Amino acid sequence: MRLKNGDTIAVFNEACGEFAATIAQSTKTLVILQIGNQLKLPKPEQKLTLFFAPLKVFNASLIIQKATELGASSIQPILTKDRGR
């Protein structure tokens, strides 16, 4: 690691936000940080809704699985109208 004791970095996690941190001690296998002031608040959780139109070959379990993997908080089937071409 190129940073040395006393250097300041920013650390963050999704729940608490971003904080300034000072390297208190570092070795090849260990870094101890002293956490300082909060720099940024955590972003508010955004809710994602997936609206989908069931197809002729309908596999709801696959749609639900993939939507969940992408972070959808709700899944809503909708009816659509074919306007022709």
PDB file of N, CA and C in Angstrom:
ATOM      1  N   MET A   1       0.855  -1.181   0.000  1.00  0.00           N
ATOM      2  CA  MET A   1       0.000   0.000   0.000  1.00  0.00           C
ATOM      3  C   MET A   1       0.893   1.233   0.000  1.00  0.00           C
ATOM      4  N   ARG A   2       0.567   2.183  -0.833  1.00  0.00           N
ATOM      5  CA  ARG A   2       1.391   3.380  -0.952  1.00  0.00           C
ATOM      6  C   ARG A   2       1.081   4.438   0.098  1.00  0.00           C
ATOM      7  N   LEU A   3      -0.078   4.362   0.689  1.00  0.00           N
ATOM      8  CA  LEU A   3      -0.432   5.328   1.722  1.00  0.00           C
ATOM      9  C   LEU A   3       0.321   5.023   3.003  1.00  0.00           C
ATOM     10  N   LYS A   4       0.527   6.059   3.790  1.00  0.00           N
ATOM     11  CA  LYS A   4       1.297   5.911   5.030  1.00  0.00           C
ATOM     12  C   LYS A   4       0.459   6.317   6.231  1.00  0.00           C
ATOM     13  N   ASN A   5       0.968   6.010   7.411  1.00  0.00           N
ATOM     14  CA  ASN A   5       0.303   6.430   8.642  1.00  0.00           C
ATOM     15  C   ASN A   5       0.100   7.948   8.607  1.00  0.00           C
ATOM     16  N   GLY A   6      -1.083   8.383   8.982  1.00  0.00           N
ATOM     17  CA  GLY A   6      -1.411   9.803   8.990  1.00  0.00           C
ATOM     18  C   GLY A   6      -2.120  10.277   7.731  1.00  0.00           C
ATOM     19  N   ASP A   7      -2.057   9.490   6.647  1.00  0.00           N
ATOM     20  CA  ASP A   7      -2.760   9.865   5.424  1.00  0.00           C
ATOM     21  C   ASP A   7      -4.270   9.732   5.636  1.00  0.00           C
ATOM     22  N   THR A   8      -5.027  10.558   4.925  1.00  0.00           N
ATOM     23  CA  THR A   8      -6.481  10.549   5.045  1.00  0.00           C
ATOM     24  C   THR A   8      -7.097   9.935   3.794  1.00  0.00           C
ATOM     25  N   ILE A   9      -8.101   9.097   4.008  1.00  0.00           N
ATOM     26  CA  ILE A   9      -8.849   8.481   2.919  1.00  0.00           C
ATOM     27  C   ILE A   9     -10.340   8.617   3.220  1.00  0.00           C
ATOM     28  N   ALA A  10     -11.154   8.259   2.253  1.00  0.00           N
ATOM     29  CA  ALA A  10     -12.606   8.231   2.463  1.00  0.00           C
ATOM     30  C   ALA A  10     -13.042   6.775   2.483  1.00  0.00           C
ATOM     31  N   VAL A  11     -13.884   6.410   3.437  1.00  0.00           N
ATOM     32  CA  VAL A  11     -14.444   5.061   3.529  1.00  0.00           C
ATOM     33  C   VAL A  11     -15.966   5.183   3.551  1.00  0.00           C
ATOM     34  N   PHE A  12     -16.641   4.141   3.079  1.00  0.00           N
ATOM     35  CA  PHE A  12     -18.100   4.224   3.035  1.00  0.00           C
ATOM     36  C   PHE A  12     -18.707   2.837   3.114  1.00  0.00           C
ATOM     37  N   ASN A  13     -19.968   2.821   3.469  1.00  0.00           N
ATOM     38  CA  ASN A  13     -20.810   1.643   3.301  1.00  0.00           C
ATOM     39  C   ASN A  13     -22.213   2.147   2.983  1.00  0.00           C
ATOM     40  N   GLU A  14     -23.021   1.272   2.440  1.00  0.00           N
ATOM     41  CA  GLU A  14     -24.340   1.661   1.951  1.00  0.00           C
ATOM     42  C   GLU A  14     -25.259   2.144   3.068  1.00  0.00           C
ATOM     43  N   ALA A  15     -25.110   1.579   4.256  1.00  0.00           N
ATOM     44  CA  ALA A  15     -26.026   1.899   5.347  1.00  0.00           C
ATOM     45  C   ALA A  15     -25.705   3.210   6.050  1.00  0.00           C
ATOM     46  N   CYS A  16     -24.410   3.548   6.189  1.00  0.00           N
ATOM     47  CA  CYS A  16     -24.016   4.704   6.998  1.00  0.00           C
ATOM     48  C   CYS A  16     -23.550   5.906   6.197  1.00  0.00           C
ATOM     49  N   GLY A  17     -23.139   5.728   4.960  1.00  0.00           N
ATOM     50  CA  GLY A  17     -22.656   6.839   4.159  1.00  0.00           C
ATOM     51  C   GLY A  17     -21.143   6.846   4.056  1.00  0.00           C
ATOM     52  N   GLU A  18     -20.579   8.021   3.776  1.00  0.00           N
ATOM     53  CA  GLU A  18     -19.131   8.175   3.567  1.00  0.00           C
ATOM     54  C   GLU A  18     -18.513   8.966   4.706  1.00  0.00           C
ATOM     55  N   PHE A  19     -17.333   8.539   5.149  1.00  0.00           N
ATOM     56  CA  PHE A  19     -16.630   9.176   6.256  1.00  0.00           C
ATOM     57  C   PHE A  19     -15.170   9.421   5.894  1.00  0.00           C
ATOM     58  N   ALA A  20     -14.592  10.466   6.464  1.00  0.00           N
ATOM     59  CA  ALA A  20     -13.149  10.673   6.376  1.00  0.00           C
ATOM     60  C   ALA A  20     -12.508   9.707   7.364  1.00  0.00           C
ATOM     61  N   ALA A  21     -11.366   9.156   6.996  1.00  0.00           N
ATOM     62  CA  ALA A  21     -10.654   8.243   7.894  1.00  0.00           C
ATOM     63  C   ALA A  21      -9.163   8.500   7.771  1.00  0.00           C
ATOM     64  N   THR A  22      -8.466   8.410   8.876  1.00  0.00           N
ATOM     65  CA  THR A  22      -7.021   8.587   8.917  1.00  0.00           C
ATOM     66  C   THR A  22      -6.378   7.242   9.205  1.00  0.00           C
ATOM     67  N   ILE A  23      -5.317   6.935   8.484  1.00  0.00           N
ATOM     68  CA  ILE A  23      -4.599   5.681   8.720  1.00  0.00           C
ATOM     69  C   ILE A  23      -3.814   5.822  10.010  1.00  0.00           C
ATOM     70  N   ALA A  24      -4.220   5.071  11.027  1.00  0.00           N
ATOM     71  CA  ALA A  24      -3.565   5.126  12.331  1.00  0.00           C
ATOM     72  C   ALA A  24      -2.355   4.199  12.373  1.00  0.00           C
ATOM     73  N   GLN A  25      -2.486   3.036  11.736  1.00  0.00           N
ATOM     74  CA  GLN A  25      -1.393   2.056  11.739  1.00  0.00           C
ATOM     75  C   GLN A  25      -1.564   1.161  10.522  1.00  0.00           C
ATOM     76  N   SER A  26      -0.457   0.814   9.878  1.00  0.00           N
ATOM     77  CA  SER A  26      -0.559  -0.107   8.747  1.00  0.00           C
ATOM     78  C   SER A  26       0.673  -1.001   8.683  1.00  0.00           C
ATOM     79  N   THR A  27       0.416  -2.258   8.368  1.00  0.00           N
ATOM     80  CA  THR A  27       1.465  -3.238   8.122  1.00  0.00           C
ATOM     81  C   THR A  27       1.114  -3.924   6.812  1.00  0.00           C
ATOM     82  N   LYS A  28       1.870  -4.952   6.443  1.00  0.00           N
ATOM     83  CA  LYS A  28       1.568  -5.688   5.217  1.00  0.00           C
ATOM     84  C   LYS A  28       0.225  -6.397   5.289  1.00  0.00           C
ATOM     85  N   THR A  29      -0.223  -6.749   6.475  1.00  0.00           N
ATOM     86  CA  THR A  29      -1.451  -7.539   6.620  1.00  0.00           C
ATOM     87  C   THR A  29      -2.570  -6.847   7.398  1.00  0.00           C
ATOM     88  N   LEU A  30      -2.329  -5.618   7.864  1.00  0.00           N
ATOM     89  CA  LEU A  30      -3.310  -4.970   8.726  1.00  0.00           C
ATOM     90  C   LEU A  30      -3.308  -3.468   8.505  1.00  0.00           C
ATOM     91  N   VAL A  31      -4.490  -2.884   8.479  1.00  0.00           N
ATOM     92  CA  VAL A  31      -4.627  -1.424   8.443  1.00  0.00           C
ATOM     93  C   VAL A  31      -5.647  -1.048   9.499  1.00  0.00           C
ATOM     94  N   ILE A  32      -5.275  -0.129  10.374  1.00  0.00           N
ATOM     95  CA  ILE A  32      -6.183   0.376  11.396  1.00  0.00           C
ATOM     96  C   ILE A  32      -6.498   1.823  11.051  1.00  0.00           C
ATOM     97  N   LEU A  33      -7.802   2.114  10.973  1.00  0.00           N
ATOM     98  CA  LEU A  33      -8.259   3.447  10.603  1.00  0.00           C
ATOM     99  C   LEU A  33      -8.894   4.139  11.794  1.00  0.00           C
ATOM    100  N   GLN A  34      -8.739   5.449  11.855  1.00  0.00           N
ATOM    101  CA  GLN A  34      -9.464   6.269  12.818  1.00  0.00           C
ATOM    102  C   GLN A  34     -10.528   7.013  12.017  1.00  0.00           C
ATOM    103  N   ILE A  35     -11.787   6.704  12.303  1.00  0.00           N
ATOM    104  CA  ILE A  35     -12.898   7.280  11.547  1.00  0.00           C
ATOM    105  C   ILE A  35     -13.166   8.697  12.030  1.00  0.00           C
ATOM    106  N   GLY A  36     -13.340   9.614  11.067  1.00  0.00           N
ATOM    107  CA  GLY A  36     -13.576  11.017  11.388  1.00  0.00           C
ATOM    108  C   GLY A  36     -14.983  11.460  11.030  1.00  0.00           C
ATOM    109  N   ASN A  37     -15.081  12.650  10.493  1.00  0.00           N
ATOM    110  CA  ASN A  37     -16.367  13.273  10.179  1.00  0.00           C
ATOM    111  C   ASN A  37     -17.072  12.583   9.014  1.00  0.00           C
ATOM    112  N   GLN A  38     -18.396  12.628   9.072  1.00  0.00           N
ATOM    113  CA  GLN A  38     -19.194  12.091   7.975  1.00  0.00           C
ATOM    114  C   GLN A  38     -19.149  13.079   6.813  1.00  0.00           C
ATOM    115  N   LEU A  39     -18.815  12.575   5.613  1.00  0.00           N
ATOM    116  CA  LEU A  39     -18.715  13.411   4.425  1.00  0.00           C
ATOM    117  C   LEU A  39     -20.014  13.432   3.628  1.00  0.00           C
ATOM    118  N   LYS A  40     -20.674  12.288   3.532  1.00  0.00           N
ATOM    119  CA  LYS A  40     -21.921  12.180   2.774  1.00  0.00           C
ATOM    120  C   LYS A  40     -22.884  11.263   3.503  1.00  0.00           C
ATOM    121  N   LEU A  41     -24.157  11.614   3.459  1.00  0.00           N
ATOM    122  CA  LEU A  41     -25.199  10.755   4.018  1.00  0.00           C
ATOM    123  C   LEU A  41     -25.469   9.611   3.053  1.00  0.00           C
ATOM    124  N   PRO A  42     -26.003   8.500   3.561  1.00  0.00           N
ATOM    125  CA  PRO A  42     -26.365   7.415   2.641  1.00  0.00           C
ATOM    126  C   PRO A  42     -27.494   7.860   1.725  1.00  0.00           C
ATOM    127  N   LYS A  43     -27.496   7.334   0.516  1.00  0.00           N
ATOM    128  CA  LYS A  43     -28.565   7.654  -0.424  1.00  0.00           C
ATOM    129  C   LYS A  43     -29.840   6.961   0.030  1.00  0.00           C
ATOM    130  N   PRO A  44     -30.974   7.644  -0.091  1.00  0.00           N
ATOM    131  CA  PRO A  44     -32.227   6.984   0.289  1.00  0.00           C
ATOM    132  C   PRO A  44     -32.487   5.788  -0.622  1.00  0.00           C
ATOM    133  N   GLU A  45     -33.061   4.768  -0.044  1.00  0.00           N
ATOM    134  CA  GLU A  45     -33.353   3.558  -0.801  1.00  0.00           C
ATOM    135  C   GLU A  45     -34.383   3.872  -1.872  1.00  0.00           C
ATOM    136  N   GLN A  46     -34.081   3.461  -3.095  1.00  0.00           N
ATOM    137  CA  GLN A  46     -35.011   3.677  -4.191  1.00  0.00           C
ATOM    138  C   GLN A  46     -35.753   2.381  -4.460  1.00  0.00           C
ATOM    139  N   LYS A  47     -37.047   2.514  -4.677  1.00  0.00           N
ATOM    140  CA  LYS A  47     -37.858   1.340  -4.973  1.00  0.00           C
ATOM    141  C   LYS A  47     -37.993   1.208  -6.481  1.00  0.00           C
ATOM    142  N   LEU A  48     -37.813  -0.006  -6.958  1.00  0.00           N
ATOM    143  CA  LEU A  48     -37.887  -0.302  -8.376  1.00  0.00           C
ATOM    144  C   LEU A  48     -39.034  -1.261  -8.618  1.00  0.00           C
ATOM    145  N   THR A  49     -39.962  -0.863  -9.486  1.00  0.00           N
ATOM    146  CA  THR A  49     -41.085  -1.722  -9.845  1.00  0.00           C
ATOM    147  C   THR A  49     -40.912  -2.170 -11.283  1.00  0.00           C
ATOM    148  N   LEU A  50     -41.048  -3.460 -11.514  1.00  0.00           N
ATOM    149  CA  LEU A  50     -40.992  -4.008 -12.868  1.00  0.00           C
ATOM    150  C   LEU A  50     -42.417  -4.262 -13.336  1.00  0.00           C
ATOM    151  N   PHE A  51     -42.810  -3.608 -14.422  1.00  0.00           N
ATOM    152  CA  PHE A  51     -44.087  -3.866 -15.075  1.00  0.00           C
ATOM    153  C   PHE A  51     -43.794  -4.738 -16.290  1.00  0.00           C
ATOM    154  N   PHE A  52     -44.540  -5.822 -16.459  1.00  0.00           N
ATOM    155  CA  PHE A  52     -44.290  -6.696 -17.598  1.00  0.00           C
ATOM    156  C   PHE A  52     -45.601  -7.197 -18.174  1.00  0.00           C
ATOM    157  N   ALA A  53     -45.584  -7.419 -19.479  1.00  0.00           N
ATOM    158  CA  ALA A  53     -46.746  -7.976 -20.165  1.00  0.00           C
ATOM    159  C   ALA A  53     -46.495  -9.458 -20.381  1.00  0.00           C
ATOM    160  N   PRO A  54     -47.350 -10.327 -19.847  1.00  0.00           N
ATOM    161  CA  PRO A  54     -47.166 -11.765 -20.057  1.00  0.00           C
ATOM    162  C   PRO A  54     -47.192 -12.089 -21.554  1.00  0.00           C
ATOM    163  N   LEU A  55     -46.281 -12.929 -21.974  1.00  0.00           N
ATOM    164  CA  LEU A  55     -46.180 -13.328 -23.374  1.00  0.00           C
ATOM    165  C   LEU A  55     -46.934 -14.624 -23.608  1.00  0.00           C
ATOM    166  N   LYS A  56     -47.050 -15.036 -24.890  1.00  0.00           N
ATOM    167  CA  LYS A  56     -47.731 -16.294 -25.199  1.00  0.00           C
ATOM    168  C   LYS A  56     -47.054 -17.456 -24.488  1.00  0.00           C
ATOM    169  N   VAL A  57     -45.737 -17.484 -24.539  1.00  0.00           N
ATOM    170  CA  VAL A  57     -44.983 -18.499 -23.793  1.00  0.00           C
ATOM    171  C   VAL A  57     -44.575 -17.805 -22.495  1.00  0.00           C
ATOM    172  N   PHE A  58     -45.348 -18.000 -21.448  1.00  0.00           N
ATOM    173  CA  PHE A  58     -45.209 -17.236 -20.209  1.00  0.00           C
ATOM    174  C   PHE A  58     -44.481 -18.052 -19.153  1.00  0.00           C
ATOM    175  N   ASN A  59     -43.386 -17.498 -18.651  1.00  0.00           N
ATOM    176  CA  ASN A  59     -42.610 -18.144 -17.595  1.00  0.00           C
ATOM    177  C   ASN A  59     -42.440 -17.143 -16.457  1.00  0.00           C
ATOM    178  N   ALA A  60     -43.446 -17.052 -15.603  1.00  0.00           N
ATOM    179  CA  ALA A  60     -43.437 -16.063 -14.526  1.00  0.00           C
ATOM    180  C   ALA A  60     -42.275 -16.271 -13.569  1.00  0.00           C
ATOM    181  N   SER A  61     -41.909 -17.507 -13.287  1.00  0.00           N
ATOM    182  CA  SER A  61     -40.841 -17.752 -12.319  1.00  0.00           C
ATOM    183  C   SER A  61     -39.508 -17.189 -12.809  1.00  0.00           C
ATOM    184  N   LEU A  62     -39.240 -17.271 -14.109  1.00  0.00           N
ATOM    185  CA  LEU A  62     -38.000 -16.713 -14.649  1.00  0.00           C
ATOM    186  C   LEU A  62     -38.014 -15.190 -14.564  1.00  0.00           C
ATOM    187  N   ILE A  63     -39.146 -14.574 -14.884  1.00  0.00           N
ATOM    188  CA  ILE A  63     -39.253 -13.119 -14.792  1.00  0.00           C
ATOM    189  C   ILE A  63     -39.069 -12.666 -13.348  1.00  0.00           C
ATOM    190  N   ILE A  64     -39.693 -13.345 -12.418  1.00  0.00           N
ATOM    191  CA  ILE A  64     -39.577 -12.984 -11.000  1.00  0.00           C
ATOM    192  C   ILE A  64     -38.144 -13.168 -10.518  1.00  0.00           C
ATOM    193  N   GLN A  65     -37.516 -14.262 -10.907  1.00  0.00           N
ATOM    194  CA  GLN A  65     -36.133 -14.520 -10.499  1.00  0.00           C
ATOM    195  C   GLN A  65     -35.199 -13.415 -10.994  1.00  0.00           C
ATOM    196  N   LYS A  66     -35.284 -13.085 -12.276  1.00  0.00           N
ATOM    197  CA  LYS A  66     -34.383 -12.078 -12.840  1.00  0.00           C
ATOM    198  C   LYS A  66     -34.673 -10.694 -12.290  1.00  0.00           C
ATOM    199  N   ALA A  67     -35.936 -10.357 -12.092  1.00  0.00           N
ATOM    200  CA  ALA A  67     -36.288  -9.051 -11.529  1.00  0.00           C
ATOM    201  C   ALA A  67     -35.755  -8.922 -10.107  1.00  0.00           C
ATOM    202  N   THR A  68     -35.841  -9.992  -9.340  1.00  0.00           N
ATOM    203  CA  THR A  68     -35.318  -9.990  -7.973  1.00  0.00           C
ATOM    204  C   THR A  68     -33.806  -9.821  -7.978  1.00  0.00           C
ATOM    205  N   GLU A  69     -33.127 -10.510  -8.883  1.00  0.00           N
ATOM    206  CA  GLU A  69     -31.666 -10.379  -8.991  1.00  0.00           C
ATOM    207  C   GLU A  69     -31.253  -8.951  -9.322  1.00  0.00           C
ATOM    208  N   LEU A  70     -32.087  -8.238 -10.070  1.00  0.00           N
ATOM    209  CA  LEU A  70     -31.785  -6.859 -10.439  1.00  0.00           C
ATOM    210  C   LEU A  70     -32.219  -5.845  -9.382  1.00  0.00           C
ATOM    211  N   GLY A  71     -32.874  -6.310  -8.313  1.00  0.00           N
ATOM    212  CA  GLY A  71     -33.236  -5.427  -7.208  1.00  0.00           C
ATOM    213  C   GLY A  71     -34.637  -4.874  -7.246  1.00  0.00           C
ATOM    214  N   ALA A  72     -35.516  -5.461  -8.025  1.00  0.00           N
ATOM    215  CA  ALA A  72     -36.896  -4.976  -8.069  1.00  0.00           C
ATOM    216  C   ALA A  72     -37.570  -5.210  -6.723  1.00  0.00           C
ATOM    217  N   SER A  73     -38.260  -4.188  -6.236  1.00  0.00           N
ATOM    218  CA  SER A  73     -38.963  -4.332  -4.963  1.00  0.00           C
ATOM    219  C   SER A  73     -40.392  -4.802  -5.167  1.00  0.00           C
ATOM    220  N   SER A  74     -40.929  -4.611  -6.381  1.00  0.00           N
ATOM    221  CA  SER A  74     -42.245  -5.157  -6.688  1.00  0.00           C
ATOM    222  C   SER A  74     -42.304  -5.498  -8.179  1.00  0.00           C
ATOM    223  N   ILE A  75     -43.165  -6.471  -8.498  1.00  0.00           N
ATOM    224  CA  ILE A  75     -43.315  -6.966  -9.857  1.00  0.00           C
ATOM    225  C   ILE A  75     -44.804  -6.943 -10.180  1.00  0.00           C
ATOM    226  N   GLN A  76     -45.157  -6.271 -11.285  1.00  0.00           N
ATOM    227  CA  GLN A  76     -46.561  -6.067 -11.603  1.00  0.00           C
ATOM    228  C   GLN A  76     -46.852  -6.458 -13.041  1.00  0.00           C
ATOM    229  N   PRO A  77     -47.674  -7.504 -13.256  1.00  0.00           N
ATOM    230  CA  PRO A  77     -48.076  -7.799 -14.632  1.00  0.00           C
ATOM    231  C   PRO A  77     -49.091  -6.765 -15.126  1.00  0.00           C
ATOM    232  N   ILE A  78     -49.049  -6.463 -16.411  1.00  0.00           N
ATOM    233  CA  ILE A  78     -49.983  -5.505 -16.994  1.00  0.00           C
ATOM    234  C   ILE A  78     -50.554  -6.084 -18.283  1.00  0.00           C
ATOM    235  N   LEU A  79     -51.710  -5.610 -18.661  1.00  0.00           N
ATOM    236  CA  LEU A  79     -52.317  -6.003 -19.936  1.00  0.00           C
ATOM    237  C   LEU A  79     -51.988  -4.955 -20.979  1.00  0.00           C
ATOM    238  N   THR A  80     -51.650  -5.407 -22.162  1.00  0.00           N
ATOM    239  CA  THR A  80     -51.330  -4.470 -23.241  1.00  0.00           C
ATOM    240  C   THR A  80     -52.263  -4.728 -24.416  1.00  0.00           C
ATOM    241  N   LYS A  81     -52.329  -3.778 -25.308  1.00  0.00           N
ATOM    242  CA  LYS A  81     -53.185  -3.902 -26.475  1.00  0.00           C
ATOM    243  C   LYS A  81     -52.311  -3.845 -27.718  1.00  0.00           C
ATOM    244  N   ASP A  82     -52.502  -4.802 -28.622  1.00  0.00           N
ATOM    245  CA  ASP A  82     -51.763  -4.840 -29.863  1.00  0.00           C
ATOM    246  C   ASP A  82     -52.406  -3.842 -30.827  1.00  0.00           C
ATOM    247  N   ARG A  83     -51.641  -2.854 -31.250  1.00  0.00           N
ATOM    248  CA  ARG A  83     -52.165  -1.812 -32.146  1.00  0.00           C
ATOM    249  C   ARG A  83     -51.990  -2.179 -33.609  1.00  0.00           C
ATOM    250  N   GLY A  84     -51.389  -3.322 -33.885  1.00  0.00           N
ATOM    251  CA  GLY A  84     -51.170  -3.717 -35.268  1.00  0.00           C
ATOM    252  C   GLY A  84     -50.057  -2.902 -35.902  1.00  0.00           C
ATOM    253  N   ARG A  85     -49.739  -3.227 -37.112  1.00  0.00           N
ATOM    254  CA  ARG A  85     -48.646  -2.497 -37.775  1.00  0.00           C
ATOM    255  C   ARG A  85     -49.060  -1.956 -39.076  1.00  0.00           C
TER     256      ARG A  85
END
